[in-house]
Amino acid sequence: MQEEPQKMKILLAAPRGFCAGVNMAIESLDLAIQAFGTPVYVYHEIVHNKYVVDTFRAKGAVFVDDLSDVPEAATLLFSAHGVSPEIRRIARERKLHAIDATCPLVTKVHIEAVRYAKEGYTILLIGHEGHDEVIGTMGEAPQAMILVESPEDADRLEFPPGTKLAYLTQTTLSVDDANRIITRLRARFPQIANPPKDDICYATQNRQEAVHMLASAADLVLVLGSQNSSNSQRLKEIARENGIAAHLIDGAGDIDDGWFTGVETVVVTAGASAPESVVSECVEYLRAKFGATVEERTIRGEDVHFPLPRELRTIGAA
């Protein structure tokens, strides 16, 4: 007698996937390709997602890490993660037709960095070394900024009496991790200044909140997103910190059926740069393989929209 397939329940987290900044950046690149033809060059990956990058590469986008690889007078898109003033200067020198698809929430952090630097502050940037967003933000005030990656980093900081200090954060951090560092900084430097509004973006916080709330009801968490996506990595880490097994995958092709032995309930979510198509593909795989049922759990609504870069607004409205 043939065994019945293992039954499981999928809790589909909402909100999940694309945030307003990613939507804007992707729409910008699509419109730039339509309007200006290919190749359209992009400084760094448009967003940190393998599926999105591969899809645009097939359409004729060329992703570069050095502007010397971009022919003079070509069309160039700055990615959602933002760039430093030095990159903007080089783009002008090379007479590139630059389109700025930086997420407005990243731009907000850049503006805060410039303001604090002009007011004589030493800025402590909480973030991950080497991340595109951190590189761009530190480029706004390199002489005034120190990267802080952990509470231990905060403990090692020493400043002369009277030093004006302020902190900023990368927009895609774990809220819990950032708060641990901020608590340590405030304990050591009680007068440290901070921006009036939290730098960690609404979408990052909402997706983390959903995992916090749903993971306790699950045996396993699947996060759709790429390994170089900071906010996706944080979702996996939050689940594991709650004692729940979790895996970060690009799509259904990365699934290992061995993960699901004895698993009855799976939370499926996606980082802010992962498209809904890979979520659907994953859900369909679990339905077909394990007879899974799906229940969407909405933790918080989202209704945020960012305008296109001014160079593309008339095209987008056409």
Protein backbone atom coordinates (compact mmCIF):
# COMPACT_ATOMS: atom_id res chain seq x y z
CA MET A 1 0.00 0.00 0.00
CA GLN A 2 1.41 3.37 -1.04
CA GLU A 3 2.18 5.75 1.81
CA GLU A 4 0.21 8.98 2.02
CA PRO A 5 2.44 11.99 1.28
CA GLN A 6 3.49 13.96 4.36
CA LYS A 7 1.04 16.79 5.04
CA MET A 8 2.26 20.20 6.05
CA LYS A 9 0.97 23.72 6.58
CA ILE A 10 2.62 26.77 5.06
CA LEU A 11 2.27 30.06 6.94
CA LEU A 12 2.89 32.63 4.22
CA ALA A 13 4.19 35.77 5.92
CA ALA A 14 2.92 39.18 4.89
CA PRO A 15 4.41 41.62 4.30
CA ARG A 16 7.21 39.91 2.37
CA GLY A 17 9.29 40.51 -0.73
CA PHE A 18 9.75 43.74 -2.65
CA CYS A 19 9.73 47.01 -0.72
CA ALA A 20 8.98 50.41 -2.23
CA GLY A 21 12.67 51.18 -2.82
CA VAL A 22 13.25 47.92 -4.68
CA ASN A 23 10.09 48.40 -6.74
CA MET A 24 11.26 51.88 -7.72
CA ALA A 25 14.77 50.70 -8.66
CA ILE A 26 13.52 47.78 -10.74
CA GLU A 27 10.92 49.91 -12.53
CA SER A 28 13.66 52.50 -13.19
CA LEU A 29 15.94 49.96 -14.84
CA ASP A 30 13.08 48.54 -16.92
CA LEU A 31 12.13 52.02 -18.13
CA ALA A 32 15.75 52.99 -18.83
CA ILE A 33 16.18 49.90 -21.04
CA GLN A 34 12.94 50.72 -22.89
CA ALA A 35 13.77 54.41 -23.30
CA PHE A 36 17.50 54.35 -24.06
CA GLY A 37 18.08 50.87 -25.42
CA THR A 38 20.83 48.51 -24.35
CA PRO A 39 23.29 48.31 -22.89
CA VAL A 40 22.23 50.19 -19.78
CA TYR A 41 25.04 50.06 -17.24
CA VAL A 42 24.31 49.65 -13.53
CA TYR A 43 26.80 50.52 -10.80
CA HIS A 44 26.75 47.40 -8.59
CA GLU A 45 23.76 45.04 -8.57
CA ILE A 46 20.47 46.90 -8.95
CA VAL A 47 19.29 45.03 -5.83
CA HIS A 48 20.92 42.13 -4.00
CA ASN A 49 18.99 39.30 -5.63
CA LYS A 50 20.40 36.75 -8.05
CA TYR A 51 17.11 36.16 -9.88
CA VAL A 52 16.52 39.89 -10.46
CA VAL A 53 20.12 40.50 -11.59
CA ASP A 54 20.11 37.51 -13.97
CA THR A 55 16.75 38.60 -15.43
CA PHE A 56 18.07 42.11 -16.17
CA ARG A 57 21.35 40.77 -17.51
CA ALA A 58 19.32 38.79 -20.05
CA LYS A 59 17.51 42.02 -21.03
CA GLY A 60 20.79 43.82 -21.73
CA ALA A 61 21.75 45.43 -18.42
CA VAL A 62 25.48 45.41 -17.64
CA PHE A 63 26.45 45.42 -13.97
CA VAL A 64 29.82 47.00 -13.15
CA ASP A 65 31.85 47.62 -10.02
CA ASP A 66 34.17 50.17 -11.65
CA LEU A 67 33.06 53.13 -13.74
CA SER A 68 36.15 52.71 -15.96
CA ASP A 69 34.20 49.76 -17.41
CA VAL A 70 31.46 52.13 -18.62
CA PRO A 71 32.03 53.81 -22.03
CA GLU A 72 31.92 57.60 -22.02
CA ALA A 73 28.45 59.12 -22.53
CA ALA A 74 26.72 55.79 -21.84
CA THR A 75 23.55 55.42 -19.74
CA LEU A 76 24.31 54.53 -16.12
CA LEU A 77 21.93 53.66 -13.29
CA PHE A 78 22.94 54.02 -9.65
CA SER A 79 21.56 51.05 -7.69
CA ALA A 80 19.04 51.18 -4.83
CA HIS A 81 21.88 51.02 -2.28
CA GLY A 82 23.25 54.47 -3.12
CA VAL A 83 26.70 55.72 -4.09
CA SER A 84 29.32 58.08 -2.71
CA PRO A 85 29.91 61.64 -3.98
CA GLU A 86 33.16 60.39 -5.54
CA ILE A 87 31.24 57.99 -7.80
CA ARG A 88 28.92 60.82 -8.85
CA ARG A 89 31.96 62.98 -9.65
CA ILE A 90 33.54 60.25 -11.81
CA ALA A 91 30.22 59.77 -13.63
CA ARG A 92 30.13 63.49 -14.45
CA GLU A 93 33.74 63.43 -15.64
CA ARG A 94 32.96 60.55 -17.98
CA LYS A 95 29.86 62.42 -19.26
CA LEU A 96 27.65 59.50 -18.31
CA HIS A 97 23.88 59.84 -18.52
CA ALA A 98 23.39 59.00 -14.84
CA ILE A 99 20.01 57.99 -13.43
CA ASP A 100 19.80 57.84 -9.64
CA ALA A 101 17.68 54.91 -8.40
CA THR A 102 18.90 55.23 -4.80
CA CYS A 103 16.20 54.31 -2.27
CA PRO A 104 14.97 57.55 -0.63
CA LEU A 105 15.46 55.96 2.80
CA VAL A 106 19.16 55.48 1.99
CA THR A 107 19.33 59.06 0.70
CA LYS A 108 17.92 60.19 4.07
CA VAL A 109 20.91 58.58 5.83
CA HIS A 110 23.32 60.26 3.39
CA ILE A 111 21.75 63.67 4.12
CA GLU A 112 22.02 63.05 7.87
CA ALA A 113 25.70 62.11 7.48
CA VAL A 114 26.45 65.34 5.59
CA ARG A 115 24.58 67.42 8.17
CA TYR A 116 26.33 65.88 11.17
CA ALA A 117 29.74 66.19 9.49
CA LYS A 118 29.15 69.89 8.74
CA GLU A 119 28.19 70.44 12.39
CA GLY A 120 31.49 68.94 13.56
CA TYR A 121 30.27 65.55 14.76
CA THR A 122 32.17 62.29 14.64
CA ILE A 123 29.64 59.88 13.15
CA LEU A 124 29.40 56.26 14.26
CA LEU A 125 27.81 54.30 11.42
CA ILE A 126 26.26 51.02 12.58
CA GLY A 127 26.47 48.58 9.70
CA HIS A 128 28.32 45.81 7.88
CA GLU A 129 31.74 46.45 6.36
CA GLY A 130 31.81 46.10 2.60
CA HIS A 131 28.06 46.39 2.06
CA ASP A 132 27.26 48.65 -0.91
CA GLU A 133 25.05 50.90 1.20
CA VAL A 134 27.72 51.34 3.88
CA ILE A 135 30.39 52.17 1.29
CA GLY A 136 28.14 54.85 -0.23
CA THR A 137 27.17 56.36 3.11
CA MET A 138 30.74 56.49 4.44
CA GLY A 139 31.76 58.20 1.22
CA GLU A 140 29.63 61.22 2.19
CA ALA A 141 31.94 62.08 5.11
CA PRO A 142 34.90 59.68 5.15
CA GLN A 143 37.01 61.76 7.53
CA ALA A 144 34.20 62.04 10.08
CA MET A 145 32.81 58.50 10.08
CA ILE A 146 33.70 55.32 11.98
CA LEU A 147 32.05 51.97 11.22
CA VAL A 148 30.68 50.07 14.23
CA GLU A 149 29.69 46.46 13.54
CA SER A 150 29.12 45.06 17.04
CA PRO A 151 28.76 45.94 20.73
CA GLU A 152 32.42 44.89 21.08
CA ASP A 153 33.37 47.53 18.50
CA ALA A 154 31.46 50.07 20.60
CA ASP A 155 33.43 49.02 23.69
CA ARG A 156 36.74 49.70 21.94
CA LEU A 157 35.91 53.29 20.97
CA GLU A 158 37.81 56.07 22.71
CA PHE A 159 37.39 59.81 22.11
CA PRO A 160 38.86 62.97 23.67
CA PRO A 161 36.58 64.76 26.15
CA GLY A 162 34.14 67.09 24.44
CA THR A 163 33.99 65.13 21.16
CA LYS A 164 30.58 65.57 19.52
CA LEU A 165 29.24 62.13 18.63
CA ALA A 166 26.25 60.99 16.58
CA TYR A 167 25.18 57.60 15.28
CA LEU A 168 23.47 56.48 12.08
CA THR A 169 22.51 53.00 10.92
CA GLN A 170 22.48 50.99 7.72
CA THR A 171 18.84 50.69 6.64
CA THR A 172 18.76 46.87 6.37
CA LEU A 173 20.07 45.82 9.78
CA SER A 174 18.44 43.53 12.30
CA VAL A 175 16.49 45.84 14.60
CA ASP A 176 17.58 43.73 17.60
CA ASP A 177 21.26 43.81 16.60
CA ALA A 178 21.17 47.56 16.00
CA ASN A 179 19.46 48.17 19.34
CA ARG A 180 22.11 46.14 21.17
CA ILE A 181 24.83 48.35 19.66
CA ILE A 182 22.87 51.56 20.25
CA THR A 183 22.30 50.59 23.90
CA ARG A 184 26.04 50.06 24.33
CA LEU A 185 26.88 53.37 22.63
CA ARG A 186 24.39 55.26 24.83
CA ALA A 187 25.81 53.64 27.96
CA ARG A 188 29.34 54.71 27.03
CA PHE A 189 28.50 58.07 25.45
CA PRO A 190 25.25 59.38 27.03
CA GLN A 191 25.30 62.61 25.02
CA ILE A 192 25.47 60.84 21.63
CA ALA A 193 23.08 62.39 19.10
CA ASN A 194 20.80 60.48 16.76
CA PRO A 195 18.49 61.34 13.86
CA PRO A 196 14.89 62.22 14.77
CA LYS A 197 13.58 59.17 12.90
CA ASP A 198 14.93 55.61 12.91
CA ASP A 199 17.20 54.81 9.93
CA ILE A 200 16.25 51.12 9.66
CA CYS A 201 13.67 51.06 6.89
CA TYR A 202 9.99 50.29 7.44
CA ALA A 203 10.10 47.21 5.18
CA THR A 204 13.09 45.71 6.97
CA GLN A 205 11.35 46.19 10.32
CA ASN A 206 8.01 44.80 9.10
CA ARG A 207 9.55 41.64 7.62
CA GLN A 208 11.54 41.06 10.80
CA GLU A 209 8.44 41.57 12.94
CA ALA A 210 6.54 38.98 10.87
CA VAL A 211 9.28 36.37 11.38
CA HIS A 212 9.43 37.13 15.12
CA MET A 213 5.68 36.64 15.42
CA LEU A 214 5.24 33.59 13.19
CA ALA A 215 8.40 31.56 13.84
CA SER A 216 7.22 30.31 17.22
CA ALA A 217 4.29 28.54 15.51
CA ALA A 218 6.57 26.77 12.99
CA ASP A 219 9.10 23.96 12.78
CA LEU A 220 11.03 25.56 9.92
CA VAL A 221 11.42 28.97 8.27
CA LEU A 222 12.25 29.37 4.58
CA VAL A 223 13.51 32.81 3.55
CA LEU A 224 13.55 33.61 -0.16
CA GLY A 225 16.49 35.86 -0.93
CA SER A 226 20.13 35.86 -1.99
CA GLN A 227 23.15 35.27 0.22
CA ASN A 228 24.44 38.83 -0.32
CA SER A 229 21.12 40.36 0.76
CA SER A 230 21.63 41.86 4.21
CA ASN A 231 17.94 42.09 5.10
CA SER A 232 17.33 38.48 3.95
CA GLN A 233 20.21 37.19 6.08
CA ARG A 234 18.71 38.98 9.08
CA LEU A 235 15.37 37.14 8.61
CA LYS A 236 17.15 33.78 8.69
CA GLU A 237 19.13 34.82 11.77
CA ILE A 238 16.02 35.99 13.64
CA ALA A 239 14.34 32.62 13.12
CA ARG A 240 17.42 30.77 14.34
CA GLU A 241 17.74 33.08 17.36
CA ASN A 242 14.18 31.98 18.22
CA GLY A 243 15.33 28.35 18.14
CA ILE A 244 13.71 27.55 14.79
CA ALA A 245 15.56 25.90 11.89
CA ALA A 246 15.83 28.33 8.97
CA HIS A 247 17.29 28.39 5.46
CA LEU A 248 17.98 31.26 3.05
CA ILE A 249 17.37 30.17 -0.55
CA ASP A 250 17.21 31.81 -3.99
CA GLY A 251 14.37 29.57 -5.16
CA ALA A 252 12.77 26.13 -5.12
CA GLY A 253 15.85 24.64 -6.79
CA ASP A 254 17.78 25.18 -3.54
CA ILE A 255 15.32 23.20 -1.41
CA ASP A 256 16.62 20.04 0.26
CA ASP A 257 13.73 17.64 0.93
CA GLY A 258 15.63 16.33 3.94
CA TRP A 259 14.89 19.60 5.74
CA PHE A 260 11.22 18.62 6.08
CA THR A 261 11.47 15.32 7.96
CA GLY A 262 9.01 15.60 10.82
CA VAL A 263 8.13 19.18 9.86
CA GLU A 264 4.44 20.07 10.11
CA THR A 265 4.45 23.86 9.81
CA VAL A 266 6.71 26.01 7.60
CA VAL A 267 6.89 29.79 7.56
CA VAL A 268 7.69 31.11 4.08
CA THR A 269 8.84 34.70 3.74
CA ALA A 270 11.04 36.77 1.45
CA GLY A 271 13.60 39.52 1.84
CA ALA A 272 12.88 42.98 0.47
CA SER A 273 14.75 42.32 -2.79
CA ALA A 274 13.20 38.91 -3.60
CA PRO A 275 10.43 38.78 -6.24
CA GLU A 276 7.06 37.20 -5.54
CA SER A 277 7.60 34.77 -8.44
CA VAL A 278 10.27 32.86 -6.47
CA VAL A 279 7.96 32.74 -3.44
CA SER A 280 5.16 31.26 -5.58
CA GLU A 281 7.56 28.74 -7.11
CA CYS A 282 8.64 27.62 -3.64
CA VAL A 283 5.06 27.34 -2.35
CA GLU A 284 4.02 25.31 -5.40
CA TYR A 285 6.95 22.96 -4.86
CA LEU A 286 5.91 22.34 -1.25
CA ARG A 287 2.29 21.82 -2.29
CA ALA A 288 3.26 19.27 -4.93
CA LYS A 289 5.87 17.45 -2.84
CA PHE A 290 4.24 17.43 0.59
CA GLY A 291 0.57 18.20 -0.06
CA ALA A 292 1.03 21.47 1.82
CA THR A 293 -1.86 23.80 2.53
CA VAL A 294 -1.29 27.56 2.57
CA GLU A 295 -2.47 30.15 5.08
CA GLU A 296 -1.41 33.75 4.59
CA ARG A 297 -0.70 35.61 7.83
CA THR A 298 -0.67 39.40 7.51
CA ILE A 299 1.19 41.06 10.38
CA ARG A 300 1.11 44.62 9.09
CA GLY A 301 -0.15 46.38 5.97
CA GLU A 302 2.17 48.32 3.64
CA ASP A 303 1.17 51.10 1.27
CA VAL A 304 4.39 52.93 0.46
CA HIS A 305 5.35 54.17 -2.98
CA PHE A 306 8.46 56.09 -4.01
CA PRO A 307 8.54 58.31 -7.12
CA LEU A 308 10.72 57.41 -10.09
CA PRO A 309 13.97 59.33 -10.69
CA ARG A 310 13.13 62.62 -12.39
CA GLU A 311 14.83 61.51 -15.64
CA LEU A 312 12.25 58.72 -15.98
CA ARG A 313 9.05 60.28 -14.66
CA THR A 314 7.67 61.43 -18.02
CA ILE A 315 8.51 58.02 -19.51
CA GLY A 316 6.84 56.19 -16.65
CA ALA A 317 3.72 58.36 -16.96
CA ALA A 318 3.43 57.80 -20.71
